[in-house]
Protein backbone atom coordinates (compact mmCIF):
# COMPACT_ATOMS: atom_id res chain seq x y z
CA MET A 1 110.43 68.02 110.70
CA ALA A 2 107.48 66.42 112.47
CA LYS A 3 104.04 67.62 111.37
CA THR A 4 102.34 66.60 114.61
CA PRO A 5 104.10 67.44 117.89
CA GLY A 6 104.63 64.60 120.32
CA PRO A 7 104.00 64.67 124.08
CA THR A 8 105.30 67.96 125.48
CA VAL A 9 105.92 69.60 128.84
CA PHE A 10 105.93 73.39 128.55
CA VAL A 11 107.70 75.28 131.30
CA LEU A 12 106.71 78.95 131.39
CA PHE A 13 109.16 80.99 133.44
CA GLY A 14 107.64 84.28 134.62
CA ALA A 15 104.19 82.70 134.33
CA THR A 16 102.47 85.31 136.49
CA GLY A 17 104.21 88.27 134.84
CA ASP A 18 102.83 90.86 132.43
CA LEU A 19 104.23 89.32 129.22
CA ALA A 20 102.84 85.87 130.01
CA ARG A 21 99.47 87.37 130.94
CA ARG A 22 99.13 89.55 127.83
CA MET A 23 100.76 87.43 125.17
CA VAL A 24 102.02 83.96 125.99
CA LEU A 25 99.08 82.43 127.86
CA PRO A 26 96.54 83.73 125.30
CA ALA A 27 98.73 82.24 122.56
CA PHE A 28 98.67 78.81 124.21
CA TYR A 29 94.89 78.95 124.53
CA THR A 30 94.57 79.99 120.89
CA LEU A 31 96.56 76.90 119.90
CA ALA A 32 94.24 74.79 122.03
CA ILE A 33 91.19 76.25 120.29
CA GLU A 34 92.74 75.59 116.88
CA GLY A 35 93.67 72.00 117.79
CA LEU A 36 97.38 72.69 117.31
CA LEU A 37 98.68 71.59 120.69
CA PRO A 38 100.02 68.04 121.07
CA SER A 39 97.58 65.31 122.03
CA ASP A 40 99.44 64.96 125.33
CA TRP A 41 100.79 68.09 127.00
CA LEU A 42 101.10 69.90 130.30
CA LEU A 43 102.01 73.52 131.01
CA VAL A 44 104.03 74.19 134.16
CA GLY A 45 104.10 77.82 135.27
CA ASN A 46 107.09 78.93 137.31
CA GLY A 47 107.52 81.92 139.59
CA ARG A 48 108.76 83.03 142.98
CA GLY A 49 105.41 82.89 144.73
CA ASP A 50 103.88 79.90 146.48
CA VAL A 51 100.89 79.48 144.18
CA SER A 52 98.70 76.38 144.11
CA HIS A 53 97.79 74.67 140.84
CA GLU A 54 94.20 75.83 141.27
CA ASP A 55 95.20 79.43 141.96
CA PHE A 56 97.35 79.40 138.82
CA ARG A 57 94.38 78.17 136.80
CA THR A 58 92.36 81.08 138.17
CA HIS A 59 95.16 83.45 137.19
CA VAL A 60 95.20 82.06 133.65
CA ARG A 61 91.42 82.34 133.36
CA LYS A 62 91.53 85.99 134.41
CA ALA A 63 94.28 86.66 131.85
CA LEU A 64 92.14 85.15 129.10
CA GLU A 65 89.08 87.09 130.22
CA GLU A 66 91.08 90.31 129.93
CA PHE A 67 93.14 89.67 126.81
CA GLY A 68 91.28 86.83 125.06
CA PRO A 69 90.41 84.41 123.71
CA ALA A 70 87.63 84.17 126.29
CA PRO A 71 87.61 80.88 128.23
CA SER A 72 84.09 80.20 126.89
CA ASP A 73 85.43 80.36 123.31
CA GLY A 74 87.40 77.16 123.71
CA PRO A 75 87.96 73.93 125.64
CA TRP A 76 88.58 75.64 128.97
CA ASP A 77 87.98 72.69 131.30
CA SER A 78 90.33 70.41 129.36
CA PHE A 79 92.91 73.21 129.03
CA ALA A 80 92.77 74.12 132.73
CA SER A 81 93.22 70.49 133.78
CA ARG A 82 96.65 70.54 132.13
CA LEU A 83 97.96 73.58 134.01
CA ARG A 84 100.42 73.21 136.89
CA PHE A 85 102.47 75.64 138.96
CA ALA A 86 105.94 75.29 140.46
CA GLY A 87 106.74 77.99 143.01
CA GLY A 88 109.83 78.99 144.91
CA GLY A 89 111.62 80.54 141.94
CA PHE A 90 114.38 78.85 139.97
CA ASN A 91 118.13 79.48 140.04
CA THR A 92 121.38 77.58 140.17
CA ASP A 93 121.34 77.31 143.96
CA ASP A 94 117.68 76.53 144.44
CA PRO A 95 115.30 75.06 141.82
CA GLY A 96 112.27 75.62 144.06
CA SER A 97 109.63 73.00 143.37
CA LEU A 98 110.18 72.95 139.60
CA LEU A 99 112.15 69.71 139.40
CA ASP A 100 109.49 67.85 141.38
CA VAL A 101 106.63 69.25 139.29
CA ILE A 102 108.43 68.45 136.00
CA ALA A 103 109.17 64.92 137.22
CA SER A 104 105.50 64.46 138.05
CA ALA A 105 104.49 65.86 134.64
CA ARG A 106 106.85 63.50 132.84
CA GLU A 107 105.45 60.57 134.76
CA GLU A 108 101.90 61.65 133.99
CA LEU A 109 102.59 61.90 130.23
CA GLY A 110 104.76 58.80 130.14
CA GLY A 111 107.85 58.11 128.05
CA SER A 112 110.20 61.02 127.32
CA PRO A 113 108.11 64.08 126.51
CA GLN A 114 109.68 67.05 124.74
CA LEU A 115 110.66 69.85 127.12
CA VAL A 116 109.96 73.40 125.93
CA HIS A 117 111.17 76.20 128.21
CA TYR A 118 109.73 79.68 127.58
CA LEU A 119 111.62 82.51 129.32
CA ALA A 120 108.94 85.21 129.73
CA ILE A 121 111.23 87.00 132.18
CA PRO A 122 113.25 90.24 132.15
CA PRO A 123 116.45 90.05 130.04
CA VAL A 124 118.58 90.51 133.19
CA ALA A 125 117.36 87.08 134.34
CA PHE A 126 118.24 85.20 131.14
CA GLU A 127 121.77 84.28 132.19
CA GLU A 128 120.94 82.88 135.62
CA THR A 129 117.94 80.94 134.33
CA THR A 130 120.00 79.49 131.46
CA LYS A 131 122.75 78.44 133.85
CA ALA A 132 120.15 76.85 136.12
CA LEU A 133 118.72 74.83 133.21
CA GLY A 134 122.14 73.29 132.73
CA GLU A 135 122.84 72.94 136.46
CA HIS A 136 119.60 71.04 137.10
CA ASP A 137 119.75 68.82 133.97
CA LEU A 138 116.82 70.47 132.21
CA ALA A 139 118.74 71.52 129.06
CA ALA A 140 119.51 68.26 127.24
CA GLY A 141 117.17 67.87 124.27
CA ALA A 142 115.01 70.82 125.34
CA ARG A 143 113.89 73.73 123.18
CA VAL A 144 114.34 77.11 124.84
CA VAL A 145 112.53 80.31 123.84
CA PHE A 146 114.22 83.62 124.68
CA GLU A 147 112.35 86.91 124.53
CA LYS A 148 113.86 90.14 123.26
CA PRO A 149 116.02 92.06 123.74
CA TYR A 150 118.69 89.36 123.56
CA GLY A 151 121.29 91.37 125.46
CA THR A 152 121.24 95.06 126.28
CA SER A 153 124.52 96.08 124.61
CA PRO A 154 127.07 94.57 122.21
CA SER A 155 129.15 93.26 125.11
CA SER A 156 126.21 91.83 127.05
CA PHE A 157 124.96 90.15 123.87
CA ARG A 158 128.31 88.44 123.36
CA GLU A 159 128.43 87.34 127.00
CA LEU A 160 124.87 85.97 126.90
CA ASN A 161 125.47 84.23 123.58
CA ARG A 162 128.59 82.49 124.88
CA LEU A 163 126.75 81.36 128.00
CA VAL A 164 123.75 80.05 126.06
CA HIS A 165 126.01 78.05 123.76
CA ARG A 166 127.79 76.50 126.73
CA VAL A 167 124.46 75.12 127.91
CA LEU A 168 122.53 74.62 124.64
CA ASP A 169 123.19 73.77 121.01
CA GLU A 170 122.13 76.50 118.58
CA GLU A 171 119.37 74.24 117.18
CA GLN A 172 117.74 74.25 120.64
CA VAL A 173 117.53 78.05 120.81
CA TYR A 174 114.49 80.05 119.65
CA ARG A 175 115.01 83.82 119.95
CA ILE A 176 111.51 85.17 119.49
CA ASP A 177 110.62 88.45 117.80
CA HIS A 178 106.87 88.43 117.38
CA PHE A 179 106.96 90.87 114.45
CA LEU A 180 108.42 88.02 112.37
CA GLY A 181 105.38 85.93 113.26
CA LYS A 182 102.93 88.43 111.78
CA GLU A 183 101.12 87.25 108.66
CA ALA A 184 101.65 90.64 107.00
CA THR A 185 105.38 90.64 107.78
CA GLN A 186 105.71 87.31 105.98
CA ASN A 187 103.83 88.86 103.06
CA LEU A 188 106.72 91.31 102.67
CA HIS A 189 108.78 88.56 101.09
CA VAL A 190 105.93 86.47 99.64
CA ALA A 191 104.39 89.42 97.75
CA ARG A 192 107.81 90.34 96.43
CA PHE A 193 109.02 86.89 95.40
CA ALA A 194 105.68 85.63 94.06
CA ASN A 195 104.91 88.72 91.93
CA GLN A 196 107.34 89.88 89.25
CA ALA A 197 105.79 93.37 89.19
CA PHE A 198 106.87 93.92 92.79
CA ALA A 199 110.18 92.08 92.42
CA ALA A 200 111.16 94.31 89.49
CA LEU A 201 110.77 97.55 91.45
CA TRP A 202 112.44 96.31 94.68
CA SER A 203 115.70 98.29 94.42
CA ARG A 204 117.29 101.72 94.61
CA GLU A 205 116.50 102.41 90.94
CA HIS A 206 112.79 102.55 91.75
CA ILE A 207 112.48 103.11 95.50
CA GLU A 208 113.25 106.51 96.97
CA SER A 209 112.88 105.60 100.65
CA VAL A 210 111.42 103.02 103.01
CA GLN A 211 109.41 104.02 106.10
CA ILE A 212 108.83 101.58 108.95
CA ASP A 213 106.49 103.28 111.37
CA VAL A 214 105.20 101.71 114.61
CA PRO A 215 103.63 104.44 116.78
CA GLU A 216 101.70 103.28 119.85
CA THR A 217 99.02 104.97 121.92
CA LEU A 218 99.84 102.74 124.91
CA GLY A 219 101.96 103.91 127.82
CA VAL A 220 104.24 101.84 130.02
CA GLU A 221 102.32 101.80 133.29
CA GLN A 222 101.91 97.99 133.42
CA ARG A 223 105.63 97.36 133.00
CA ALA A 224 107.27 100.53 134.25
CA ALA A 225 110.31 98.97 135.93
CA PHE A 226 111.18 96.84 132.88
CA TYR A 227 110.66 99.70 130.46
CA ASP A 228 112.67 102.26 132.41
CA ALA A 229 115.65 99.90 132.28
CA THR A 230 115.17 99.29 128.56
CA GLY A 231 113.64 102.14 126.55
CA ALA A 232 112.49 102.39 122.95
CA VAL A 233 115.89 101.79 121.35
CA LEU A 234 116.34 98.38 123.00
CA ASP A 235 112.66 97.44 123.20
CA MET A 236 111.78 98.25 119.59
CA LEU A 237 114.56 99.63 117.34
CA VAL A 238 117.26 96.98 117.72
CA THR A 239 114.61 94.25 117.72
CA HIS A 240 111.34 94.66 115.79
CA LEU A 241 112.25 97.54 113.48
CA PHE A 242 115.64 96.13 112.47
CA GLN A 243 114.11 92.71 111.79
CA VAL A 244 111.36 94.21 109.62
CA ALA A 245 113.97 96.28 107.76
CA ALA A 246 115.85 93.05 107.07
CA GLU A 247 112.65 91.44 105.74
CA VAL A 248 112.31 94.32 103.27
CA ALA A 249 115.97 94.53 102.28
CA MET A 250 117.11 90.89 102.06
CA GLU A 251 118.26 89.35 98.80
CA PRO A 252 116.13 86.53 97.34
CA PRO A 253 116.91 83.39 99.38
CA ALA A 254 117.69 80.08 97.70
CA SER A 255 114.36 78.84 99.06
CA LEU A 256 111.84 79.77 101.75
CA GLY A 257 113.10 76.92 103.91
CA ALA A 258 114.22 77.76 107.43
CA ALA A 259 117.98 77.78 106.84
CA ASP A 260 117.84 79.74 103.56
CA LEU A 261 115.35 82.31 104.84
CA GLN A 262 117.33 82.87 108.03
CA THR A 263 120.57 83.18 106.06
CA ALA A 264 119.13 85.81 103.70
CA ARG A 265 117.73 87.83 106.57
CA GLU A 266 120.89 87.72 108.68
CA ARG A 267 123.18 88.40 105.69
CA VAL A 268 121.53 91.70 104.84
CA ILE A 269 121.71 92.83 108.48
CA ARG A 270 125.49 92.62 108.12
CA SER A 271 125.13 95.35 105.45
CA PHE A 272 123.41 97.76 107.87
CA ARG A 273 125.61 100.83 108.18
CA PRO A 274 126.33 101.73 111.83
CA ILE A 275 123.78 104.37 112.73
CA ASP A 276 125.07 107.93 113.03
CA PRO A 277 123.71 109.47 116.27
CA ALA A 278 123.13 112.64 114.23
CA ASP A 279 120.52 110.64 112.30
CA VAL A 280 118.56 109.78 115.45
CA VAL A 281 115.96 111.67 117.49
CA LEU A 282 115.07 110.33 120.93
CA GLY A 283 112.06 111.50 122.92
CA GLN A 284 110.31 111.02 126.24
CA TYR A 285 106.61 111.73 126.58
CA LYS A 286 105.52 114.35 129.09
CA GLY A 287 104.27 112.75 132.29
CA TYR A 288 106.50 109.67 131.96
CA LYS A 289 108.47 110.54 135.11
CA GLN A 290 105.28 110.76 137.16
CA ILE A 291 104.48 107.05 136.61
CA GLU A 292 104.87 104.88 139.69
CA GLY A 293 108.13 102.96 139.45
CA ILE A 294 109.86 105.47 137.16
CA LYS A 295 112.83 107.40 138.51
CA ARG A 296 112.27 111.15 138.65
CA THR A 297 115.66 111.64 137.01
CA SER A 298 114.98 109.09 134.25
CA ALA A 299 116.49 109.80 130.83
CA THR A 300 114.87 106.72 129.28
CA ASP A 301 113.69 107.16 125.71
CA THR A 302 110.05 106.34 125.00
CA TYR A 303 110.42 107.41 121.36
CA VAL A 304 113.04 106.86 118.69
CA ALA A 305 113.23 107.94 115.07
CA ALA A 306 116.29 106.90 113.09
CA LYS A 307 117.67 106.91 109.57
CA LEU A 308 119.28 103.62 108.57
CA TYR A 309 121.26 102.82 105.42
CA VAL A 310 121.90 99.40 103.87
CA ASP A 311 125.31 99.42 102.21
CA ASN A 312 124.88 96.97 99.35
CA PRO A 313 124.30 97.41 95.60
CA ARG A 314 120.52 97.00 95.83
CA TRP A 315 119.91 99.64 98.50
CA ARG A 316 122.93 101.96 98.61
CA GLY A 317 121.78 105.54 99.25
CA VAL A 318 118.14 104.65 100.06
CA PRO A 319 117.16 105.87 103.55
CA PHE A 320 115.21 103.48 105.76
CA LEU A 321 113.26 105.73 108.13
CA LEU A 322 112.39 103.92 111.37
CA ARG A 323 110.08 105.37 114.00
CA THR A 324 108.30 104.15 117.11
CA GLY A 325 107.09 105.67 120.35
CA LYS A 326 104.70 105.39 123.28
CA ARG A 327 101.67 107.62 123.93
CA MET A 328 101.52 108.78 120.33
CA ALA A 329 98.55 109.96 118.28
CA GLU A 330 97.72 106.57 116.75
CA SER A 331 98.67 102.92 116.99
CA ARG A 332 99.90 101.71 113.61
CA GLN A 333 102.33 99.13 112.22
CA VAL A 334 103.16 100.18 108.69
CA VAL A 335 105.90 99.50 106.14
CA SER A 336 105.85 101.89 103.18
CA LEU A 337 108.01 101.67 100.06
CA VAL A 338 108.00 105.15 98.54
CA LEU A 339 108.59 104.94 94.78
CA ARG A 340 110.62 107.53 92.94
CA THR A 341 108.64 110.28 91.21
CA PRO A 342 109.13 110.27 87.41
CA SER A 343 110.79 113.45 86.12
CA HIS A 344 109.13 113.33 82.68
CA PRO A 345 107.10 113.48 80.50
CA ILE A 346 104.55 114.82 83.03
CA ALA A 347 105.97 117.80 84.91
CA ASP A 348 105.45 118.86 88.52
CA LEU A 349 104.14 115.59 89.89
CA PRO A 350 103.60 115.60 93.67
CA PRO A 351 106.29 113.75 95.65
CA GLN A 352 105.64 110.58 97.67
CA ALA A 353 102.45 109.86 95.72
CA ASN A 354 103.40 106.37 94.48
CA VAL A 355 103.61 104.16 97.57
CA LEU A 356 103.36 100.42 98.24
CA THR A 357 102.27 99.95 101.85
CA PHE A 358 102.09 96.85 104.02
CA ASP A 359 99.93 97.29 107.12
CA LEU A 360 101.26 94.77 109.65
CA ALA A 361 98.47 95.15 112.20
CA GLY A 362 95.92 92.39 112.67
CA ASP A 363 95.52 90.16 109.62
CA GLY A 364 97.26 92.79 107.51
CA LYS A 365 96.53 94.82 104.38
CA ILE A 366 98.43 95.76 101.25
CA ASP A 367 97.76 99.24 99.82
CA LEU A 368 98.99 100.65 96.54
CA SER A 369 98.77 104.43 96.03
CA LEU A 370 99.15 105.73 92.46
CA LEU A 371 98.75 108.92 90.48
CA VAL A 372 95.94 108.64 87.94
CA LYS A 373 94.28 110.97 85.44
CA ARG A 374 91.29 112.86 86.78
CA PRO A 375 88.32 112.29 84.45
CA GLY A 376 87.78 115.28 82.18
CA VAL A 377 89.20 117.10 79.18
CA ALA A 378 92.24 118.49 81.03
CA LEU A 379 95.36 116.47 81.78
CA GLU A 380 95.26 116.58 85.55
CA VAL A 381 96.47 113.89 87.90
CA GLU A 382 95.39 113.04 91.42
CA PRO A 383 96.14 110.24 93.89
CA GLY A 384 94.16 107.02 93.82
CA SER A 385 94.57 103.86 95.85
CA VAL A 386 93.61 100.20 95.96
CA ARG A 387 93.58 97.96 99.02
CA LEU A 388 93.86 94.21 99.50
CA PRO A 389 92.74 93.19 103.01
CA LEU A 390 94.48 89.88 103.66
CA ALA A 391 91.57 88.76 105.85
CA SER A 392 89.42 88.75 102.70
CA LEU A 393 91.35 85.85 101.17
CA GLU A 394 89.25 82.71 101.15
CA ASN A 395 90.11 79.87 103.53
CA GLY A 396 92.67 82.01 105.33
CA GLU A 397 93.40 80.83 108.87
CA PRO A 398 95.80 83.39 110.35
CA LEU A 399 97.23 82.85 113.81
CA PRO A 400 98.22 85.70 116.13
CA PRO A 401 102.01 86.15 116.02
CA TYR A 402 102.80 84.57 119.39
CA ALA A 403 100.58 81.59 118.65
CA ARG A 404 102.21 81.15 115.24
CA LEU A 405 105.71 81.24 116.69
CA ILE A 406 104.94 78.90 119.60
CA ASN A 407 103.47 76.49 117.05
CA ASP A 408 106.74 76.74 115.09
CA VAL A 409 108.68 75.88 118.26
CA LEU A 410 106.52 72.79 118.68
CA LEU A 411 107.30 71.78 115.10
CA GLY A 412 111.00 72.60 115.40
CA ASP A 413 110.77 75.24 112.63
CA ARG A 414 113.32 78.02 113.26
CA SER A 415 112.76 80.02 110.05
CA LEU A 416 111.02 82.95 111.80
CA PHE A 417 113.49 83.15 114.70
CA THR A 418 116.67 85.19 114.88
CA ARG A 419 120.23 83.84 114.72
CA PRO A 420 123.30 85.05 116.61
CA ASP A 421 125.16 86.23 113.51
CA GLY A 422 122.31 88.56 112.61
CA LEU A 423 121.95 89.76 116.20
CA ALA A 424 125.67 90.48 116.39
CA ALA A 425 125.26 92.65 113.29
CA THR A 426 122.30 94.53 114.78
CA TRP A 427 124.34 95.34 117.87
CA LYS A 428 127.19 96.53 115.66
CA ALA A 429 124.79 98.78 113.74
CA VAL A 430 123.33 100.35 116.90
CA GLY A 431 126.66 100.53 118.75
CA PRO A 432 127.51 104.19 117.92
CA LEU A 433 124.04 105.28 119.13
CA LEU A 434 124.44 103.45 122.45
CA GLU A 435 127.85 105.06 122.95
CA ASN A 436 126.66 108.58 122.10
CA ARG A 437 122.95 108.78 122.84
CA PRO A 438 121.18 112.07 122.09
CA LYS A 439 119.29 113.54 125.03
CA PRO A 440 115.59 112.61 124.84
CA VAL A 441 113.38 115.53 123.79
CA PRO A 442 110.05 115.95 125.64
CA TYR A 443 106.96 115.47 123.50
CA ALA A 444 103.25 115.82 124.19
CA GLN A 445 101.13 112.75 124.69
CA GLU A 446 98.81 111.95 121.76
CA SER A 447 101.21 113.72 119.40
CA TRP A 448 103.51 112.40 116.66
CA GLY A 449 106.59 112.84 118.79
CA PRO A 450 109.33 115.48 118.71
CA THR A 451 109.13 117.85 115.74
CA ALA A 452 112.92 117.47 115.37
CA ALA A 453 112.27 114.08 113.74
CA ARG A 454 110.84 115.79 110.67
CA LYS A 455 114.34 116.63 109.48
CA LEU A 456 115.16 112.92 109.13
CA ALA A 457 112.61 112.58 106.30
CA ALA A 458 113.74 115.76 104.49
CA PRO A 459 113.36 116.85 101.75
CA HIS A 460 110.01 115.04 102.06
CA ARG A 461 107.92 113.98 105.09
CA TRP A 462 106.81 111.10 107.22
CA LEU A 463 103.76 109.58 105.60
CA LEU A 464 101.97 109.18 108.93
CA GLY A 465 100.90 112.21 110.91
CA GLN A 466 103.18 114.95 109.68
């Protein structure tokens, strides 16, 4: 695997869309600031509109001013000079101006630059765009990044997967899930495999339950049409939450190399028990149907809480409690391993007091909550905690998740990207829920979601908010 990327032409499909504006373009600029882009590169934005190169540069600048890094924080003039735009859309019948702009970019860079296609477009457009890559000879040797969800049902996943493999070899495909690019998510397996104290407790004998909790205060106003066709189950449960659950539950891989790490992650997903719809609560926040672009009859879920089981010897019987929702009381990204409460020799210990928590937000934190003796003559215990902020580690240089994963694409490192065997297993696990979806329950904005979700954590409670 090359350590320094060679000349590269990036093609960003959906370049003027919300995802590109919020995530992808800031990630590219972050890589420029960090000196991690190739010495010779060009970024070609693609969209339906007839946008000049200069107008596209203005669009990118405004995106960076809103979402950062600020243009003044990096080499803006040099970065902007490498931006191009190809309008007129792109499909099998009509490539718009993309072929001409790519040809010009190749000529400008010289030789045979690496092509990297990033599909920051709605999932419904994946198939046509993939076909068009093959039709217009843009697939051979290229690397292609697909956003989630990769399919919207088990059958659509299989259809998309077959199509992609008709056009591309598997080694060319990078299915991105930005939660896998988080520094703290990677610490889920590093902390476990590098520390025997954690490795020893990582099983059903010591862990009572696992909670993966990703509430969000944000709404869906900026992407209403996409969200109303997707919902929380497809946008978050079958993607981010399942992948994080696999990070927690996987068996020790032979190594942390790309193939071994992917294999361990995908293998444990095959042990996910199909979710019982009775173990799921769906919700929709009040006021959702009044958002412009949302159907007044919409039954789209903006909240999901689910109980997942992993049917293997290490985890059998341990509930994985997964929860996410929009317009909730807080924005958090937390994985908590709740340790079993000893039954003796100290009686009447409070439940859920011994917890190992990984905070996935930002640079990440690791918290350990323990019961300790209260100073004094009596034998009384109370909770205590210690925290390790990962940002406090010396010489740490964390990258935001999208920047990290785009850098991995440049290097050809697929270890933090999903594979089709694991995705097939996720669709199998969620299949019963998609076939028999509970009706979404209304919940108040700035709340912790429907109270019905409390029963999923019984006989105990969700650690956040309730």
